[in-house]
Amino acid sequence: MDWPYPEELVYGRDAAAAAGVPERMIRSWASRGRVRSFKGDGRPSGNGHLARTMYVLPDVLAAAADYRPVPQRARAG
């Protein structure tokens, strides 16, 4: 039986490290359809949560090539 998912699946934490972008940005790209995501196997993610989503690394790297962080404005005190 063939594996129905791309072989390049990685968890968000690993994708963020490989691409050099925040994990929340990868989640945002996935919600907008720019990056394909799949249900993970629920392994512990290392931060007390279960990693439930996997991302296609080539998609993440392609999206990260255009990523430009936006500086945050200081809050008025």
PDB file of N, CA and C in Angstrom:
ATOM      1  N   MET A   1       0.844  -1.192   0.000  1.00  0.00           N
ATOM      2  CA  MET A   1       0.000   0.000   0.000  1.00  0.00           C
ATOM      3  C   MET A   1       0.882   1.246   0.000  1.00  0.00           C
ATOM      4  N   ASP A   2       0.538   2.206  -0.823  1.00  0.00           N
ATOM      5  CA  ASP A   2       1.304   3.440  -0.910  1.00  0.00           C
ATOM      6  C   ASP A   2       0.961   4.375   0.232  1.00  0.00           C
ATOM      7  N   TRP A   3       1.965   5.111   0.687  1.00  0.00           N
ATOM      8  CA  TRP A   3       1.800   6.129   1.716  1.00  0.00           C
ATOM      9  C   TRP A   3       1.043   7.287   1.091  1.00  0.00           C
ATOM     10  N   PRO A   4      -0.104   7.705   1.652  1.00  0.00           N
ATOM     11  CA  PRO A   4      -0.931   8.737   1.000  1.00  0.00           C
ATOM     12  C   PRO A   4      -0.439  10.167   1.229  1.00  0.00           C
ATOM     13  N   TYR A   5       0.634  10.340   1.979  1.00  0.00           N
ATOM     14  CA  TYR A   5       1.113  11.675   2.311  1.00  0.00           C
ATOM     15  C   TYR A   5       2.506  11.906   1.727  1.00  0.00           C
ATOM     16  N   PRO A   6       2.868  13.159   1.529  1.00  0.00           N
ATOM     17  CA  PRO A   6       4.232  13.448   1.062  1.00  0.00           C
ATOM     18  C   PRO A   6       5.268  12.950   2.078  1.00  0.00           C
ATOM     19  N   GLU A   7       6.422  12.529   1.577  1.00  0.00           N
ATOM     20  CA  GLU A   7       7.477  12.015   2.459  1.00  0.00           C
ATOM     21  C   GLU A   7       8.143  13.108   3.271  1.00  0.00           C
ATOM     22  N   GLU A   8       8.025  14.351   2.860  1.00  0.00           N
ATOM     23  CA  GLU A   8       8.721  15.454   3.509  1.00  0.00           C
ATOM     24  C   GLU A   8       7.921  16.081   4.647  1.00  0.00           C
ATOM     25  N   LEU A   9       7.096  15.305   5.334  1.00  0.00           N
ATOM     26  CA  LEU A   9       6.291  15.845   6.423  1.00  0.00           C
ATOM     27  C   LEU A   9       7.144  16.071   7.670  1.00  0.00           C
ATOM     28  N   VAL A  10       6.989  17.238   8.275  1.00  0.00           N
ATOM     29  CA  VAL A  10       7.687  17.572   9.521  1.00  0.00           C
ATOM     30  C   VAL A  10       6.706  18.283  10.440  1.00  0.00           C
ATOM     31  N   TYR A  11       6.990  18.241  11.727  1.00  0.00           N
ATOM     32  CA  TYR A  11       6.172  18.963  12.695  1.00  0.00           C
ATOM     33  C   TYR A  11       6.519  20.447  12.641  1.00  0.00           C
ATOM     34  N   GLY A  12       5.615  21.273  13.152  1.00  0.00           N
ATOM     35  CA  GLY A  12       5.778  22.721  13.099  1.00  0.00           C
ATOM     36  C   GLY A  12       7.083  23.212  13.686  1.00  0.00           C
ATOM     37  N   ARG A  13       7.465  22.648  14.800  1.00  0.00           N
ATOM     38  CA  ARG A  13       8.703  23.073  15.459  1.00  0.00           C
ATOM     39  C   ARG A  13       9.915  22.823  14.554  1.00  0.00           C
ATOM     40  N   ASP A  14       9.936  21.663  13.905  1.00  0.00           N
ATOM     41  CA  ASP A  14      11.037  21.319  13.009  1.00  0.00           C
ATOM     42  C   ASP A  14      11.001  22.167  11.739  1.00  0.00           C
ATOM     43  N   ALA A  15       9.802  22.422  11.226  1.00  0.00           N
ATOM     44  CA  ALA A  15       9.665  23.254  10.033  1.00  0.00           C
ATOM     45  C   ALA A  15      10.135  24.677  10.310  1.00  0.00           C
ATOM     46  N   ALA A  16       9.783  25.206  11.484  1.00  0.00           N
ATOM     47  CA  ALA A  16      10.194  26.557  11.857  1.00  0.00           C
ATOM     48  C   ALA A  16      11.715  26.650  11.966  1.00  0.00           C
ATOM     49  N   ALA A  17      12.324  25.633  12.555  1.00  0.00           N
ATOM     50  CA  ALA A  17      13.782  25.631  12.695  1.00  0.00           C
ATOM     51  C   ALA A  17      14.467  25.546  11.332  1.00  0.00           C
ATOM     52  N   ALA A  18      13.948  24.714  10.439  1.00  0.00           N
ATOM     53  CA  ALA A  18      14.546  24.544   9.117  1.00  0.00           C
ATOM     54  C   ALA A  18      14.392  25.794   8.258  1.00  0.00           C
ATOM     55  N   ALA A  19      13.263  26.474   8.382  1.00  0.00           N
ATOM     56  CA  ALA A  19      12.969  27.622   7.523  1.00  0.00           C
ATOM     57  C   ALA A  19      13.389  28.953   8.139  1.00  0.00           C
ATOM     58  N   GLY A  20      13.624  28.969   9.455  1.00  0.00           N
ATOM     59  CA  GLY A  20      14.018  30.220  10.107  1.00  0.00           C
ATOM     60  C   GLY A  20      12.880  31.213  10.251  1.00  0.00           C
ATOM     61  N   VAL A  21      11.669  30.704  10.416  1.00  0.00           N
ATOM     62  CA  VAL A  21      10.499  31.559  10.599  1.00  0.00           C
ATOM     63  C   VAL A  21       9.756  31.120  11.857  1.00  0.00           C
ATOM     64  N   PRO A  22       8.946  31.994  12.447  1.00  0.00           N
ATOM     65  CA  PRO A  22       8.166  31.587  13.627  1.00  0.00           C
ATOM     66  C   PRO A  22       7.138  30.513  13.276  1.00  0.00           C
ATOM     67  N   GLU A  23       6.917  29.600  14.210  1.00  0.00           N
ATOM     68  CA  GLU A  23       5.944  28.531  13.991  1.00  0.00           C
ATOM     69  C   GLU A  23       4.549  29.083  13.752  1.00  0.00           C
ATOM     70  N   ARG A  24       4.210  30.187  14.390  1.00  0.00           N
ATOM     71  CA  ARG A  24       2.879  30.774  14.190  1.00  0.00           C
ATOM     72  C   ARG A  24       2.701  31.235  12.738  1.00  0.00           C
ATOM     73  N   MET A  25       3.798  31.615  12.077  1.00  0.00           N
ATOM     74  CA  MET A  25       3.710  32.029  10.671  1.00  0.00           C
ATOM     75  C   MET A  25       3.390  30.826   9.796  1.00  0.00           C
ATOM     76  N   ILE A  26       3.968  29.682  10.111  1.00  0.00           N
ATOM     77  CA  ILE A  26       3.689  28.464   9.354  1.00  0.00           C
ATOM     78  C   ILE A  26       2.225  28.069   9.523  1.00  0.00           C
ATOM     79  N   ARG A  27       1.714  28.180  10.742  1.00  0.00           N
ATOM     80  CA  ARG A  27       0.291  27.882  10.973  1.00  0.00           C
ATOM     81  C   ARG A  27      -0.587  28.838  10.175  1.00  0.00           C
ATOM     82  N   SER A  28      -0.189  30.094  10.105  1.00  0.00           N
ATOM     83  CA  SER A  28      -0.946  31.089   9.344  1.00  0.00           C
ATOM     84  C   SER A  28      -0.939  30.739   7.853  1.00  0.00           C
ATOM     85  N   TRP A  29       0.217  30.380   7.325  1.00  0.00           N
ATOM     86  CA  TRP A  29       0.302  29.996   5.916  1.00  0.00           C
ATOM     87  C   TRP A  29      -0.580  28.792   5.632  1.00  0.00           C
ATOM     88  N   ALA A  30      -0.584  27.831   6.558  1.00  0.00           N
ATOM     89  CA  ALA A  30      -1.401  26.626   6.376  1.00  0.00           C
ATOM     90  C   ALA A  30      -2.885  26.980   6.368  1.00  0.00           C
ATOM     91  N   SER A  31      -3.296  27.876   7.253  1.00  0.00           N
ATOM     92  CA  SER A  31      -4.717  28.244   7.311  1.00  0.00           C
ATOM     93  C   SER A  31      -5.155  28.985   6.052  1.00  0.00           C
ATOM     94  N   ARG A  32      -4.207  29.642   5.376  1.00  0.00           N
ATOM     95  CA  ARG A  32      -4.507  30.349   4.128  1.00  0.00           C
ATOM     96  C   ARG A  32      -4.292  29.481   2.893  1.00  0.00           C
ATOM     97  N   GLY A  33      -3.873  28.225   3.098  1.00  0.00           N
ATOM     98  CA  GLY A  33      -3.694  27.311   1.983  1.00  0.00           C
ATOM     99  C   GLY A  33      -2.373  27.445   1.262  1.00  0.00           C
ATOM    100  N   ARG A  34      -1.464  28.206   1.811  1.00  0.00           N
ATOM    101  CA  ARG A  34      -0.163  28.407   1.173  1.00  0.00           C
ATOM    102  C   ARG A  34       0.788  27.240   1.439  1.00  0.00           C
ATOM    103  N   VAL A  35       0.565  26.542   2.543  1.00  0.00           N
ATOM    104  CA  VAL A  35       1.368  25.392   2.954  1.00  0.00           C
ATOM    105  C   VAL A  35       0.409  24.243   3.238  1.00  0.00           C
ATOM    106  N   ARG A  36       0.704  23.067   2.704  1.00  0.00           N
ATOM    107  CA  ARG A  36      -0.138  21.904   2.976  1.00  0.00           C
ATOM    108  C   ARG A  36       0.146  21.373   4.378  1.00  0.00           C
ATOM    109  N   SER A  37      -0.904  20.955   5.067  1.00  0.00           N
ATOM    110  CA  SER A  37      -0.747  20.389   6.405  1.00  0.00           C
ATOM    111  C   SER A  37      -1.557  19.100   6.503  1.00  0.00           C
ATOM    112  N   PHE A  38      -1.101  18.235   7.405  1.00  0.00           N
ATOM    113  CA  PHE A  38      -1.736  16.939   7.613  1.00  0.00           C
ATOM    114  C   PHE A  38      -1.796  16.657   9.096  1.00  0.00           C
ATOM    115  N   LYS A  39      -2.719  15.791   9.469  1.00  0.00           N
ATOM    116  CA  LYS A  39      -2.835  15.399  10.865  1.00  0.00           C
ATOM    117  C   LYS A  39      -1.600  14.602  11.274  1.00  0.00           C
ATOM    118  N   GLY A  40      -1.004  14.975  12.400  1.00  0.00           N
ATOM    119  CA  GLY A  40       0.162  14.265  12.910  1.00  0.00           C
ATOM    120  C   GLY A  40      -0.237  13.051  13.715  1.00  0.00           C
ATOM    121  N   ASP A  41       0.756  12.402  14.314  1.00  0.00           N
ATOM    122  CA  ASP A  41       0.486  11.180  15.067  1.00  0.00           C
ATOM    123  C   ASP A  41       0.336  11.421  16.566  1.00  0.00           C
ATOM    124  N   GLY A  42       0.413  12.671  17.007  1.00  0.00           N
ATOM    125  CA  GLY A  42       0.180  12.989  18.413  1.00  0.00           C
ATOM    126  C   GLY A  42       1.347  12.738  19.331  1.00  0.00           C
ATOM    127  N   ARG A  43       2.562  12.691  18.798  1.00  0.00           N
ATOM    128  CA  ARG A  43       3.727  12.495  19.667  1.00  0.00           C
ATOM    129  C   ARG A  43       3.937  13.725  20.534  1.00  0.00           C
ATOM    130  N   PRO A  44       4.578  13.588  21.685  1.00  0.00           N
ATOM    131  CA  PRO A  44       4.851  14.767  22.518  1.00  0.00           C
ATOM    132  C   PRO A  44       5.758  15.740  21.770  1.00  0.00           C
ATOM    133  N   SER A  45       5.441  17.035  21.833  1.00  0.00           N
ATOM    134  CA  SER A  45       6.204  18.032  21.080  1.00  0.00           C
ATOM    135  C   SER A  45       7.351  18.622  21.876  1.00  0.00           C
ATOM    136  N   GLY A  46       7.450  18.310  23.152  1.00  0.00           N
ATOM    137  CA  GLY A  46       8.552  18.827  23.947  1.00  0.00           C
ATOM    138  C   GLY A  46       8.177  20.034  24.779  1.00  0.00           C
ATOM    139  N   ASN A  47       6.999  20.605  24.530  1.00  0.00           N
ATOM    140  CA  ASN A  47       6.583  21.774  25.302  1.00  0.00           C
ATOM    141  C   ASN A  47       5.316  21.478  26.111  1.00  0.00           C
ATOM    142  N   GLY A  48       5.064  20.208  26.364  1.00  0.00           N
ATOM    143  CA  GLY A  48       3.901  19.830  27.164  1.00  0.00           C
ATOM    144  C   GLY A  48       2.635  19.618  26.363  1.00  0.00           C
ATOM    145  N   HIS A  49       2.699  19.817  25.057  1.00  0.00           N
ATOM    146  CA  HIS A  49       1.540  19.632  24.190  1.00  0.00           C
ATOM    147  C   HIS A  49       1.817  18.477  23.235  1.00  0.00           C
ATOM    148  N   LEU A  50       0.784  18.008  22.600  1.00  0.00           N
ATOM    149  CA  LEU A  50       0.953  16.979  21.585  1.00  0.00           C
ATOM    150  C   LEU A  50       1.018  17.632  20.218  1.00  0.00           C
ATOM    151  N   ALA A  51       1.994  17.212  19.417  1.00  0.00           N
ATOM    152  CA  ALA A  51       2.131  17.737  18.060  1.00  0.00           C
ATOM    153  C   ALA A  51       1.056  17.101  17.204  1.00  0.00           C
ATOM    154  N   ARG A  52       0.090  17.853  16.785  1.00  0.00           N
ATOM    155  CA  ARG A  52      -1.046  17.300  16.065  1.00  0.00           C
ATOM    156  C   ARG A  52      -1.029  17.592  14.573  1.00  0.00           C
ATOM    157  N   THR A  53      -0.157  18.491  14.136  1.00  0.00           N
ATOM    158  CA  THR A  53      -0.150  18.871  12.732  1.00  0.00           C
ATOM    159  C   THR A  53       1.251  18.722  12.159  1.00  0.00           C
ATOM    160  N   MET A  54       1.297  18.220  10.934  1.00  0.00           N
ATOM    161  CA  MET A  54       2.564  18.113  10.215  1.00  0.00           C
ATOM    162  C   MET A  54       2.440  18.947   8.943  1.00  0.00           C
ATOM    163  N   TYR A  55       3.571  19.489   8.511  1.00  0.00           N
ATOM    164  CA  TYR A  55       3.598  20.368   7.354  1.00  0.00           C
ATOM    165  C   TYR A  55       4.553  19.807   6.304  1.00  0.00           C
ATOM    166  N   VAL A  56       4.308  20.136   5.040  1.00  0.00           N
ATOM    167  CA  VAL A  56       5.169  19.694   3.944  1.00  0.00           C
ATOM    168  C   VAL A  56       6.350  20.663   3.880  1.00  0.00           C
ATOM    169  N   LEU A  57       7.538  20.151   4.198  1.00  0.00           N
ATOM    170  CA  LEU A  57       8.716  21.009   4.320  1.00  0.00           C
ATOM    171  C   LEU A  57       9.027  21.807   3.051  1.00  0.00           C
ATOM    172  N   PRO A  58       8.981  21.236   1.850  1.00  0.00           N
ATOM    173  CA  PRO A  58       9.245  22.065   0.665  1.00  0.00           C
ATOM    174  C   PRO A  58       8.265  23.233   0.525  1.00  0.00           C
ATOM    175  N   ASP A  59       7.004  23.041   0.918  1.00  0.00           N
ATOM    176  CA  ASP A  59       6.033  24.146   0.903  1.00  0.00           C
ATOM    177  C   ASP A  59       6.458  25.246   1.865  1.00  0.00           C
ATOM    178  N   VAL A  60       6.877  24.830   3.061  1.00  0.00           N
ATOM    179  CA  VAL A  60       7.289  25.796   4.086  1.00  0.00           C
ATOM    180  C   VAL A  60       8.522  26.564   3.616  1.00  0.00           C
ATOM    181  N   LEU A  61       9.495  25.859   3.056  1.00  0.00           N
ATOM    182  CA  LEU A  61      10.717  26.526   2.594  1.00  0.00           C
ATOM    183  C   LEU A  61      10.426  27.504   1.454  1.00  0.00           C
ATOM    184  N   ALA A  62       9.506  27.137   0.572  1.00  0.00           N
ATOM    185  CA  ALA A  62       9.134  28.037  -0.534  1.00  0.00           C
ATOM    186  C   ALA A  62       8.447  29.292  -0.002  1.00  0.00           C
ATOM    187  N   ALA A  63       7.547  29.126   0.960  1.00  0.00           N
ATOM    188  CA  ALA A  63       6.862  30.285   1.543  1.00  0.00           C
ATOM    189  C   ALA A  63       7.840  31.145   2.335  1.00  0.00           C
ATOM    190  N   ALA A  64       8.788  30.509   3.002  1.00  0.00           N
ATOM    191  CA  ALA A  64       9.746  31.243   3.832  1.00  0.00           C
ATOM    192  C   ALA A  64      10.691  32.093   2.987  1.00  0.00           C
ATOM    193  N   ALA A  65      10.886  31.727   1.718  1.00  0.00           N
ATOM    194  CA  ALA A  65      11.771  32.499   0.848  1.00  0.00           C
ATOM    195  C   ALA A  65      11.262  33.928   0.667  1.00  0.00           C
ATOM    196  N   ASP A  66       9.939  34.121   0.759  1.00  0.00           N
ATOM    197  CA  ASP A  66       9.340  35.452   0.599  1.00  0.00           C
ATOM    198  C   ASP A  66       9.050  36.128   1.931  1.00  0.00           C
ATOM    199  N   TYR A  67       9.374  35.461   3.038  1.00  0.00           N
ATOM    200  CA  TYR A  67       9.022  35.978   4.368  1.00  0.00           C
ATOM    201  C   TYR A  67       9.912  37.150   4.753  1.00  0.00           C
ATOM    202  N   ARG A  68       9.278  38.229   5.176  1.00  0.00           N
ATOM    203  CA  ARG A  68       9.985  39.396   5.707  1.00  0.00           C
ATOM    204  C   ARG A  68       9.315  39.768   7.021  1.00  0.00           C
ATOM    205  N   PRO A  69      10.022  39.614   8.139  1.00  0.00           N
ATOM    206  CA  PRO A  69       9.395  39.934   9.421  1.00  0.00           C
ATOM    207  C   PRO A  69       9.023  41.415   9.506  1.00  0.00           C
ATOM    208  N   VAL A  70       7.909  41.671  10.129  1.00  0.00           N
ATOM    209  CA  VAL A  70       7.439  43.044  10.315  1.00  0.00           C
ATOM    210  C   VAL A  70       7.789  43.458  11.745  1.00  0.00           C
ATOM    211  N   PRO A  71       8.536  44.547  11.902  1.00  0.00           N
ATOM    212  CA  PRO A  71       8.867  44.986  13.265  1.00  0.00           C
ATOM    213  C   PRO A  71       7.602  45.322  14.049  1.00  0.00           C
ATOM    214  N   GLN A  72       7.602  44.948  15.302  1.00  0.00           N
ATOM    215  CA  GLN A  72       6.451  45.241  16.163  1.00  0.00           C
ATOM    216  C   GLN A  72       6.557  46.663  16.686  1.00  0.00           C
ATOM    217  N   ARG A  73       5.422  47.326  16.743  1.00  0.00           N
ATOM    218  CA  ARG A  73       5.393  48.680  17.288  1.00  0.00           C
ATOM    219  C   ARG A  73       5.380  48.600  18.815  1.00  0.00           C
ATOM    220  N   ALA A  74       6.024  49.572  19.422  1.00  0.00           N
ATOM    221  CA  ALA A  74       6.018  49.631  20.882  1.00  0.00           C
ATOM    222  C   ALA A  74       4.627  50.031  21.357  1.00  0.00           C
ATOM    223  N   ARG A  75       4.209  49.440  22.443  1.00  0.00           N
ATOM    224  CA  ARG A  75       2.904  49.790  23.017  1.00  0.00           C
ATOM    225  C   ARG A  75       3.011  51.094  23.782  1.00  0.00           C
ATOM    226  N   ALA A  76       1.948  51.867  23.689  1.00  0.00           N
ATOM    227  CA  ALA A  76       1.911  53.112  24.450  1.00  0.00           C
ATOM    228  C   ALA A  76       1.757  52.752  25.925  1.00  0.00           C
ATOM    229  N   GLY A  77       2.595  53.316  26.752  1.00  0.00           N
ATOM    230  CA  GLY A  77       2.613  52.962  28.166  1.00  0.00           C
ATOM    231  C   GLY A  77       1.650  53.713  28.943  1.00  0.00           C
TER     232      GLY A  77
END
